[in-house]
Amino acid sequence: MITRIFIGILLGTGAILPGVSSGVICVIIGIYDKLIDSVLNLFKDFKKNFLYLLPIALGGFIGIFLFGNILKSLFNVFPTQTSFCFIGLILGSIPILVKKINSENNFRLYYILFAIVSFCLGYSLVALENNFNFSSTVTGFSNIFLILSGFLMSIGVVVPGVSNTLILMCLGVYHIYIDAIASLNLSILIPMGIGLVIGCIFFLIIIKYLLKNFYMQTYYSIIGFTLGSVLVLFSPISLNFTGLISIILMLFGFILAGKLEKIT
């Protein structure tokens, strides 16, 4: 249970940090398939799935409202070191993921094309995100628009490598979303939460269908998106103390990815 609370905290922080996708975190720690099944089959085996999801949900709230600010501070104070730790986590998850899906299905060379196309799309999203101004403020949204924003935001929660912050910036609501979390402004959070829940269920059904009918193609696309998310975190480093610490943390993250996969 403690492990799943910790996983939820990571997912919560991924929901608010620029460039970090909750879906990527699910892939990193190896629970993506299991989480989809538990959510969509909640009422088929309610007790089992509810007990699995509850600590993750609790951790998610903790991550959003408490540890998200701590991690955000780490990105602000130690941006390079923190980013390289996440890069290590992401890169460490890829060999595990490739080994898992290829052990369950026959590999075909053309699957790599799905990874390449999704990687290029992920790169384009990174370039687009870098052109947005996070400090812009817009007010006066209707509840319908906030619900729609939450619905579209769910794409970034469900699909690995797609940043939900980018989606909110496109809609012009990222700033008030962050402010609403900091001040617990329920008039903003409730309608966005409603849209988020509806959207997550909707897009999880689509992902479930794709995994059932196009498992290898879907997962190689996920791998491409996941590798694309590295670009938003990467920055050049120098051969100094900061650079050395960053490399050490990247190696730590790479090793940690394997440990997280084993305990989940």
C-alpha atoms as a PDB file:
ATOM      1  CA  MET A   1       0.000   0.000   0.000  1.00  0.00           C
ATOM      2  CA  ILE A   2       2.831   2.409   0.849  1.00  0.00           C
ATOM      3  CA  THR A   3       4.345   1.692  -2.559  1.00  0.00           C
ATOM      4  CA  ARG A   4       1.081   2.547  -4.346  1.00  0.00           C
ATOM      5  CA  ILE A   5       0.716   5.780  -2.346  1.00  0.00           C
ATOM      6  CA  PHE A   6       4.213   6.721  -3.482  1.00  0.00           C
ATOM      7  CA  ILE A   7       3.226   5.878  -7.069  1.00  0.00           C
ATOM      8  CA  GLY A   8       0.175   8.120  -6.691  1.00  0.00           C
ATOM      9  CA  ILE A   9       2.382  10.957  -5.452  1.00  0.00           C
ATOM     10  CA  LEU A  10       4.503  10.629  -8.583  1.00  0.00           C
ATOM     11  CA  LEU A  11       1.379  10.649 -10.769  1.00  0.00           C
ATOM     12  CA  GLY A  12       0.072  13.717  -8.943  1.00  0.00           C
ATOM     13  CA  THR A  13       3.267  15.648  -9.493  1.00  0.00           C
ATOM     14  CA  GLY A  14       3.263  14.587 -13.135  1.00  0.00           C
ATOM     15  CA  ALA A  15      -0.185  16.161 -13.481  1.00  0.00           C
ATOM     16  CA  ILE A  16       1.065  19.666 -12.644  1.00  0.00           C
ATOM     17  CA  LEU A  17       4.697  19.881 -13.769  1.00  0.00           C
ATOM     18  CA  PRO A  18       5.443  21.258 -17.242  1.00  0.00           C
ATOM     19  CA  GLY A  19       6.695  18.592 -19.624  1.00  0.00           C
ATOM     20  CA  VAL A  20       6.089  15.653 -17.280  1.00  0.00           C
ATOM     21  CA  SER A  21       3.315  13.241 -18.278  1.00  0.00           C
ATOM     22  CA  SER A  22       1.498  11.069 -15.749  1.00  0.00           C
ATOM     23  CA  GLY A  23       1.219   8.439 -18.473  1.00  0.00           C
ATOM     24  CA  VAL A  24       5.006   8.354 -18.834  1.00  0.00           C
ATOM     25  CA  ILE A  25       5.336   7.811 -15.076  1.00  0.00           C
ATOM     26  CA  CYS A  26       2.902   4.870 -15.308  1.00  0.00           C
ATOM     27  CA  VAL A  27       5.046   3.391 -18.089  1.00  0.00           C
ATOM     28  CA  ILE A  28       8.262   3.988 -16.129  1.00  0.00           C
ATOM     29  CA  ILE A  29       7.059   2.054 -13.099  1.00  0.00           C
ATOM     30  CA  GLY A  30       5.333  -0.661 -15.123  1.00  0.00           C
ATOM     31  CA  ILE A  31       1.699  -0.219 -14.054  1.00  0.00           C
ATOM     32  CA  TYR A  32       0.208   1.256 -17.234  1.00  0.00           C
ATOM     33  CA  ASP A  33      -1.702  -1.857 -18.341  1.00  0.00           C
ATOM     34  CA  LYS A  34      -2.743  -2.747 -14.801  1.00  0.00           C
ATOM     35  CA  LEU A  35      -4.006   0.747 -14.047  1.00  0.00           C
ATOM     36  CA  ILE A  36      -6.132   0.812 -17.197  1.00  0.00           C
ATOM     37  CA  ASP A  37      -7.666  -2.581 -16.360  1.00  0.00           C
ATOM     38  CA  SER A  38      -8.376  -1.590 -12.751  1.00  0.00           C
ATOM     39  CA  VAL A  39     -10.139   1.634 -13.741  1.00  0.00           C
ATOM     40  CA  LEU A  40     -12.216   0.203 -16.579  1.00  0.00           C
ATOM     41  CA  ASN A  41     -13.104  -2.995 -14.671  1.00  0.00           C
ATOM     42  CA  LEU A  42     -13.739  -1.259 -11.348  1.00  0.00           C
ATOM     43  CA  PHE A  43     -17.267  -2.629 -10.932  1.00  0.00           C
ATOM     44  CA  LYS A  44     -16.479  -6.125 -12.228  1.00  0.00           C
ATOM     45  CA  ASP A  45     -14.320  -6.869  -9.200  1.00  0.00           C
ATOM     46  CA  PHE A  46     -15.022  -3.792  -7.107  1.00  0.00           C
ATOM     47  CA  LYS A  47     -13.245  -4.751  -3.884  1.00  0.00           C
ATOM     48  CA  LYS A  48     -10.006  -5.829  -5.553  1.00  0.00           C
ATOM     49  CA  ASN A  49      -9.812  -2.905  -7.974  1.00  0.00           C
ATOM     50  CA  PHE A  50     -10.967  -0.334  -5.421  1.00  0.00           C
ATOM     51  CA  LEU A  51      -8.329  -1.428  -2.908  1.00  0.00           C
ATOM     52  CA  TYR A  52      -5.695  -1.242  -5.648  1.00  0.00           C
ATOM     53  CA  LEU A  53      -6.746   2.214  -6.856  1.00  0.00           C
ATOM     54  CA  LEU A  54      -7.493   3.868  -3.488  1.00  0.00           C
ATOM     55  CA  PRO A  55      -3.875   4.341  -2.294  1.00  0.00           C
ATOM     56  CA  ILE A  56      -2.879   5.541  -5.781  1.00  0.00           C
ATOM     57  CA  ALA A  57      -5.699   8.098  -5.707  1.00  0.00           C
ATOM     58  CA  LEU A  58      -4.746   9.232  -2.194  1.00  0.00           C
ATOM     59  CA  GLY A  59      -1.128   9.563  -3.264  1.00  0.00           C
ATOM     60  CA  GLY A  60      -2.254  11.531  -6.312  1.00  0.00           C
ATOM     61  CA  PHE A  61      -3.967  14.135  -4.137  1.00  0.00           C
ATOM     62  CA  ILE A  62      -0.892  14.336  -1.908  1.00  0.00           C
ATOM     63  CA  GLY A  63       1.323  14.732  -4.956  1.00  0.00           C
ATOM     64  CA  ILE A  64      -0.816  17.513  -6.437  1.00  0.00           C
ATOM     65  CA  PHE A  65      -1.402  19.562  -3.301  1.00  0.00           C
ATOM     66  CA  LEU A  66       1.794  18.976  -1.309  1.00  0.00           C
ATOM     67  CA  PHE A  67       4.747  17.272  -2.936  1.00  0.00           C
ATOM     68  CA  GLY A  68       4.038  18.834  -6.324  1.00  0.00           C
ATOM     69  CA  ASN A  69       5.170  22.180  -4.917  1.00  0.00           C
ATOM     70  CA  ILE A  70       8.295  20.577  -3.448  1.00  0.00           C
ATOM     71  CA  LEU A  71       9.204  18.962  -6.752  1.00  0.00           C
ATOM     72  CA  LYS A  72       8.401  22.195  -8.561  1.00  0.00           C
ATOM     73  CA  SER A  73      10.841  23.960  -6.218  1.00  0.00           C
ATOM     74  CA  LEU A  74      13.489  21.351  -7.021  1.00  0.00           C
ATOM     75  CA  PHE A  75      13.004  22.051 -10.722  1.00  0.00           C
ATOM     76  CA  ASN A  76      13.376  25.780 -10.016  1.00  0.00           C
ATOM     77  CA  VAL A  77      16.399  25.538  -7.675  1.00  0.00           C
ATOM     78  CA  PHE A  78      18.174  22.498  -9.146  1.00  0.00           C
ATOM     79  CA  PRO A  79      16.715  22.301 -12.659  1.00  0.00           C
ATOM     80  CA  THR A  80      19.541  20.383 -14.327  1.00  0.00           C
ATOM     81  CA  GLN A  81      20.048  17.810 -11.580  1.00  0.00           C
ATOM     82  CA  THR A  82      16.309  17.161 -11.176  1.00  0.00           C
ATOM     83  CA  SER A  83      15.756  16.943 -14.926  1.00  0.00           C
ATOM     84  CA  PHE A  84      18.598  14.445 -15.398  1.00  0.00           C
ATOM     85  CA  CYS A  85      17.189  12.265 -12.616  1.00  0.00           C
ATOM     86  CA  PHE A  86      13.885  12.107 -14.521  1.00  0.00           C
ATOM     87  CA  ILE A  87      15.757  11.468 -17.769  1.00  0.00           C
ATOM     88  CA  GLY A  88      17.420   8.479 -16.121  1.00  0.00           C
ATOM     89  CA  LEU A  89      14.037   7.173 -14.969  1.00  0.00           C
ATOM     90  CA  ILE A  90      12.615   7.475 -18.473  1.00  0.00           C
ATOM     91  CA  LEU A  91      15.608   5.928 -20.247  1.00  0.00           C
ATOM     92  CA  GLY A  92      15.783   3.151 -17.651  1.00  0.00           C
ATOM     93  CA  SER A  93      12.170   2.233 -18.309  1.00  0.00           C
ATOM     94  CA  ILE A  94      12.575   1.794 -22.073  1.00  0.00           C
ATOM     95  CA  PRO A  95      14.661  -1.453 -22.087  1.00  0.00           C
ATOM     96  CA  ILE A  96      12.275  -2.946 -19.511  1.00  0.00           C
ATOM     97  CA  LEU A  97       9.279  -2.019 -21.624  1.00  0.00           C
ATOM     98  CA  VAL A  98      10.813  -3.293 -24.881  1.00  0.00           C
ATOM     99  CA  LYS A  99      11.806  -6.591 -23.244  1.00  0.00           C
ATOM    100  CA  LYS A 100       8.330  -7.036 -21.784  1.00  0.00           C
ATOM    101  CA  ILE A 101       6.334  -6.437 -24.959  1.00  0.00           C
ATOM    102  CA  ASN A 102       8.706  -8.447 -27.183  1.00  0.00           C
ATOM    103  CA  SER A 103       8.569 -11.407 -24.787  1.00  0.00           C
ATOM    104  CA  GLU A 104       4.784 -11.483 -25.089  1.00  0.00           C
ATOM    105  CA  ASN A 105       4.513 -10.906 -28.852  1.00  0.00           C
ATOM    106  CA  ASN A 106       6.508 -11.472 -32.017  1.00  0.00           C
ATOM    107  CA  PHE A 107       8.538  -8.422 -33.045  1.00  0.00           C
ATOM    108  CA  ARG A 108       8.210  -7.062 -36.566  1.00  0.00           C
ATOM    109  CA  LEU A 109      10.612  -4.486 -37.973  1.00  0.00           C
ATOM    110  CA  TYR A 110       7.877  -2.094 -39.106  1.00  0.00           C
ATOM    111  CA  TYR A 111       6.838  -1.558 -35.462  1.00  0.00           C
ATOM    112  CA  ILE A 112       9.827   0.765 -35.197  1.00  0.00           C
ATOM    113  CA  LEU A 113       8.069   3.119 -37.624  1.00  0.00           C
ATOM    114  CA  PHE A 114       5.340   3.697 -35.024  1.00  0.00           C
ATOM    115  CA  ALA A 115       8.008   4.666 -32.486  1.00  0.00           C
ATOM    116  CA  ILE A 116       9.701   7.015 -34.968  1.00  0.00           C
ATOM    117  CA  VAL A 117       6.464   8.764 -35.944  1.00  0.00           C
ATOM    118  CA  SER A 118       5.335   9.202 -32.335  1.00  0.00           C
ATOM    119  CA  PHE A 119       8.828  10.392 -31.355  1.00  0.00           C
ATOM    120  CA  CYS A 120       8.683  13.075 -34.077  1.00  0.00           C
ATOM    121  CA  LEU A 121       5.221  14.090 -32.893  1.00  0.00           C
ATOM    122  CA  GLY A 122       6.505  14.232 -29.318  1.00  0.00           C
ATOM    123  CA  TYR A 123       9.399  16.418 -30.471  1.00  0.00           C
ATOM    124  CA  SER A 124       6.937  18.764 -32.190  1.00  0.00           C
ATOM    125  CA  LEU A 125       4.885  19.021 -28.997  1.00  0.00           C
ATOM    126  CA  VAL A 126       8.041  19.880 -27.021  1.00  0.00           C
ATOM    127  CA  ALA A 127       8.903  22.637 -29.498  1.00  0.00           C
ATOM    128  CA  LEU A 128       5.354  23.961 -29.275  1.00  0.00           C
ATOM    129  CA  GLU A 129       5.372  23.883 -25.474  1.00  0.00           C
ATOM    130  CA  ASN A 130       8.634  25.812 -25.297  1.00  0.00           C
ATOM    131  CA  ASN A 131       7.006  28.691 -27.184  1.00  0.00           C
ATOM    132  CA  PHE A 132       4.283  29.217 -24.575  1.00  0.00           C
ATOM    133  CA  ASN A 133       4.453  31.820 -21.841  1.00  0.00           C
ATOM    134  CA  PHE A 134       3.608  30.294 -18.455  1.00  0.00           C
ATOM    135  CA  SER A 135       3.076  33.649 -16.801  1.00  0.00           C
ATOM    136  CA  SER A 136       0.063  34.729 -18.840  1.00  0.00           C
ATOM    137  CA  THR A 137      -3.150  35.160 -16.899  1.00  0.00           C
ATOM    138  CA  VAL A 138      -6.663  34.757 -18.230  1.00  0.00           C
ATOM    139  CA  THR A 139      -9.853  34.876 -16.188  1.00  0.00           C
ATOM    140  CA  GLY A 140     -13.606  34.598 -16.610  1.00  0.00           C
ATOM    141  CA  PHE A 141     -14.000  31.056 -17.912  1.00  0.00           C
ATOM    142  CA  SER A 142     -17.410  29.415 -17.836  1.00  0.00           C
ATOM    143  CA  ASN A 143     -17.988  26.089 -16.086  1.00  0.00           C
ATOM    144  CA  ILE A 144     -18.653  24.453 -19.466  1.00  0.00           C
ATOM    145  CA  PHE A 145     -15.260  25.600 -20.739  1.00  0.00           C
ATOM    146  CA  LEU A 146     -13.541  24.440 -17.544  1.00  0.00           C
ATOM    147  CA  ILE A 147     -15.167  21.000 -17.892  1.00  0.00           C
ATOM    148  CA  LEU A 148     -14.002  20.884 -21.524  1.00  0.00           C
ATOM    149  CA  SER A 149     -10.498  21.899 -20.394  1.00  0.00           C
ATOM    150  CA  GLY A 150     -10.435  19.068 -17.858  1.00  0.00           C
ATOM    151  CA  PHE A 151     -11.704  16.646 -20.502  1.00  0.00           C
ATOM    152  CA  LEU A 152      -8.941  17.577 -22.950  1.00  0.00           C
ATOM    153  CA  MET A 153      -6.363  17.660 -20.153  1.00  0.00           C
ATOM    154  CA  SER A 154      -7.075  13.979 -19.575  1.00  0.00           C
ATOM    155  CA  ILE A 155      -5.322  13.207 -22.868  1.00  0.00           C
ATOM    156  CA  GLY A 156      -2.058  14.227 -21.219  1.00  0.00           C
ATOM    157  CA  VAL A 157      -2.884  12.139 -18.160  1.00  0.00           C
ATOM    158  CA  VAL A 158      -3.729   8.985 -20.116  1.00  0.00           C
ATOM    159  CA  VAL A 159      -1.394   9.114 -23.135  1.00  0.00           C
ATOM    160  CA  PRO A 160       2.296   8.739 -22.206  1.00  0.00           C
ATOM    161  CA  GLY A 161       4.513  11.530 -23.498  1.00  0.00           C
ATOM    162  CA  VAL A 162       1.694  14.025 -24.106  1.00  0.00           C
ATOM    163  CA  SER A 163       2.031  16.889 -21.623  1.00  0.00           C
ATOM    164  CA  ASN A 164      -1.262  17.969 -20.051  1.00  0.00           C
ATOM    165  CA  THR A 165       0.321  21.335 -19.251  1.00  0.00           C
ATOM    166  CA  LEU A 166       0.771  21.922 -22.987  1.00  0.00           C
ATOM    167  CA  ILE A 167      -2.934  21.232 -23.531  1.00  0.00           C
ATOM    168  CA  LEU A 168      -3.909  23.641 -20.733  1.00  0.00           C
ATOM    169  CA  MET A 169      -1.573  26.300 -22.141  1.00  0.00           C
ATOM    170  CA  CYS A 170      -3.179  25.932 -25.568  1.00  0.00           C
ATOM    171  CA  LEU A 171      -6.545  26.516 -23.902  1.00  0.00           C
ATOM    172  CA  GLY A 172      -5.177  29.432 -21.844  1.00  0.00           C
ATOM    173  CA  VAL A 173      -6.078  27.956 -18.452  1.00  0.00           C
ATOM    174  CA  TYR A 174      -2.731  26.671 -17.148  1.00  0.00           C
ATOM    175  CA  HIS A 175      -2.115  29.683 -14.920  1.00  0.00           C
ATOM    176  CA  ILE A 176      -5.510  29.642 -13.201  1.00  0.00           C
ATOM    177  CA  TYR A 177      -5.253  25.853 -12.845  1.00  0.00           C
ATOM    178  CA  ILE A 178      -2.006  26.192 -10.869  1.00  0.00           C
ATOM    179  CA  ASP A 179      -3.410  29.098  -8.843  1.00  0.00           C
ATOM    180  CA  ALA A 180      -6.565  27.092  -8.077  1.00  0.00           C
ATOM    181  CA  ILE A 181      -4.475  24.200  -6.749  1.00  0.00           C
ATOM    182  CA  ALA A 182      -2.417  26.533  -4.547  1.00  0.00           C
ATOM    183  CA  SER A 183      -5.514  28.256  -3.123  1.00  0.00           C
ATOM    184  CA  LEU A 184      -7.886  25.236  -3.217  1.00  0.00           C
ATOM    185  CA  ASN A 185     -10.292  27.201  -5.402  1.00  0.00           C
ATOM    186  CA  LEU A 186     -13.088  24.648  -5.762  1.00  0.00           C
ATOM    187  CA  SER A 187     -15.014  26.788  -8.248  1.00  0.00           C
ATOM    188  CA  ILE A 188     -12.193  26.042 -10.708  1.00  0.00           C
ATOM    189  CA  LEU A 189     -11.094  22.604  -9.531  1.00  0.00           C
ATOM    190  CA  ILE A 190     -14.538  20.928  -9.387  1.00  0.00           C
ATOM    191  CA  PRO A 191     -15.613  21.561 -13.018  1.00  0.00           C
ATOM    192  CA  MET A 192     -12.115  20.751 -14.285  1.00  0.00           C
ATOM    193  CA  GLY A 193     -12.122  17.604 -12.127  1.00  0.00           C
ATOM    194  CA  ILE A 194     -15.463  16.522 -13.602  1.00  0.00           C
ATOM    195  CA  GLY A 195     -14.121  16.930 -17.127  1.00  0.00           C
ATOM    196  CA  LEU A 196     -10.899  15.161 -16.168  1.00  0.00           C
ATOM    197  CA  VAL A 197     -12.719  12.083 -14.820  1.00  0.00           C
ATOM    198  CA  ILE A 198     -15.017  11.861 -17.858  1.00  0.00           C
ATOM    199  CA  GLY A 199     -12.068  12.327 -20.211  1.00  0.00           C
ATOM    200  CA  CYS A 200      -9.886   9.757 -18.468  1.00  0.00           C
ATOM    201  CA  ILE A 201     -12.602   7.109 -18.755  1.00  0.00           C
ATOM    202  CA  PHE A 202     -13.236   7.992 -22.406  1.00  0.00           C
ATOM    203  CA  PHE A 203      -9.589   7.925 -23.473  1.00  0.00           C
ATOM    204  CA  LEU A 204      -8.798   4.882 -21.325  1.00  0.00           C
ATOM    205  CA  ILE A 205     -11.469   2.985 -23.276  1.00  0.00           C
ATOM    206  CA  ILE A 206      -9.764   4.021 -26.518  1.00  0.00           C
ATOM    207  CA  ILE A 207      -6.314   3.037 -25.227  1.00  0.00           C
ATOM    208  CA  LYS A 208      -7.721  -0.279 -23.976  1.00  0.00           C
ATOM    209  CA  TYR A 209      -9.174  -0.974 -27.427  1.00  0.00           C
ATOM    210  CA  LEU A 210      -5.861  -0.132 -29.095  1.00  0.00           C
ATOM    211  CA  LEU A 211      -3.902  -2.328 -26.680  1.00  0.00           C
ATOM    212  CA  LYS A 212      -6.314  -5.201 -27.270  1.00  0.00           C
ATOM    213  CA  ASN A 213      -6.301  -4.990 -31.055  1.00  0.00           C
ATOM    214  CA  PHE A 214      -2.978  -3.316 -31.891  1.00  0.00           C
ATOM    215  CA  TYR A 215      -0.862  -4.113 -28.846  1.00  0.00           C
ATOM    216  CA  MET A 216       2.622  -3.896 -30.369  1.00  0.00           C
ATOM    217  CA  GLN A 217       1.870  -0.876 -32.542  1.00  0.00           C
ATOM    218  CA  THR A 218       0.345   0.966 -29.586  1.00  0.00           C
ATOM    219  CA  TYR A 219       3.220   0.217 -27.241  1.00  0.00           C
ATOM    220  CA  TYR A 220       5.895   1.160 -29.765  1.00  0.00           C
ATOM    221  CA  SER A 221       4.021   4.438 -30.255  1.00  0.00           C
ATOM    222  CA  ILE A 222       4.064   4.865 -26.475  1.00  0.00           C
ATOM    223  CA  ILE A 223       7.821   4.221 -26.491  1.00  0.00           C
ATOM    224  CA  GLY A 224       8.282   6.949 -29.113  1.00  0.00           C
ATOM    225  CA  PHE A 225       6.206   9.452 -27.123  1.00  0.00           C
ATOM    226  CA  THR A 226       8.078   8.498 -23.953  1.00  0.00           C
ATOM    227  CA  LEU A 227      11.474   9.091 -25.591  1.00  0.00           C
ATOM    228  CA  GLY A 228      10.145  12.379 -26.925  1.00  0.00           C
ATOM    229  CA  SER A 229       9.394  13.500 -23.389  1.00  0.00           C
ATOM    230  CA  VAL A 230      13.142  13.347 -22.661  1.00  0.00           C
ATOM    231  CA  LEU A 231      13.607  16.361 -24.937  1.00  0.00           C
ATOM    232  CA  VAL A 232      11.592  18.656 -22.700  1.00  0.00           C
ATOM    233  CA  LEU A 233      13.845  17.746 -19.763  1.00  0.00           C
ATOM    234  CA  PHE A 234      17.239  17.698 -21.468  1.00  0.00           C
ATOM    235  CA  SER A 235      19.639  20.632 -21.308  1.00  0.00           C
ATOM    236  CA  PRO A 236      23.373  20.716 -22.155  1.00  0.00           C
ATOM    237  CA  ILE A 237      25.733  20.254 -19.204  1.00  0.00           C
ATOM    238  CA  SER A 238      29.344  21.195 -18.558  1.00  0.00           C
ATOM    239  CA  LEU A 239      32.065  18.990 -17.115  1.00  0.00           C
ATOM    240  CA  ASN A 240      31.904  20.599 -13.676  1.00  0.00           C
ATOM    241  CA  PHE A 241      30.489  19.669 -10.277  1.00  0.00           C
ATOM    242  CA  THR A 242      26.892  20.355 -11.343  1.00  0.00           C
ATOM    243  CA  GLY A 243      27.359  18.275 -14.482  1.00  0.00           C
ATOM    244  CA  LEU A 244      28.878  15.397 -12.520  1.00  0.00           C
ATOM    245  CA  ILE A 245      26.027  15.394 -10.004  1.00  0.00           C
ATOM    246  CA  SER A 246      23.526  15.481 -12.884  1.00  0.00           C
ATOM    247  CA  ILE A 247      25.132  12.437 -14.510  1.00  0.00           C
ATOM    248  CA  ILE A 248      25.187  10.571 -11.188  1.00  0.00           C
ATOM    249  CA  LEU A 249      21.495  11.350 -10.638  1.00  0.00           C
ATOM    250  CA  MET A 250      20.707  10.209 -14.173  1.00  0.00           C
ATOM    251  CA  LEU A 251      22.409   6.874 -13.472  1.00  0.00           C
ATOM    252  CA  PHE A 252      20.540   6.684 -10.163  1.00  0.00           C
ATOM    253  CA  GLY A 253      17.254   7.264 -11.986  1.00  0.00           C
ATOM    254  CA  PHE A 254      18.145   4.626 -14.592  1.00  0.00           C
ATOM    255  CA  ILE A 255      18.769   2.036 -11.855  1.00  0.00           C
ATOM    256  CA  LEU A 256      15.700   3.157  -9.871  1.00  0.00           C
ATOM    257  CA  ALA A 257      13.454   2.531 -12.896  1.00  0.00           C
ATOM    258  CA  GLY A 258      14.354  -1.159 -12.754  1.00  0.00           C
ATOM    259  CA  LYS A 259      13.731  -1.308  -9.007  1.00  0.00           C
ATOM    260  CA  LEU A 260      10.324   0.382  -9.325  1.00  0.00           C
ATOM    261  CA  GLU A 261       9.274  -2.042 -12.052  1.00  0.00           C
ATOM    262  CA  LYS A 262      10.099  -5.019  -9.807  1.00  0.00           C
ATOM    263  CA  ILE A 263       8.112  -3.789  -6.779  1.00  0.00           C
ATOM    264  CA  THR A 264       4.972  -2.953  -8.724  1.00  0.00           C
END
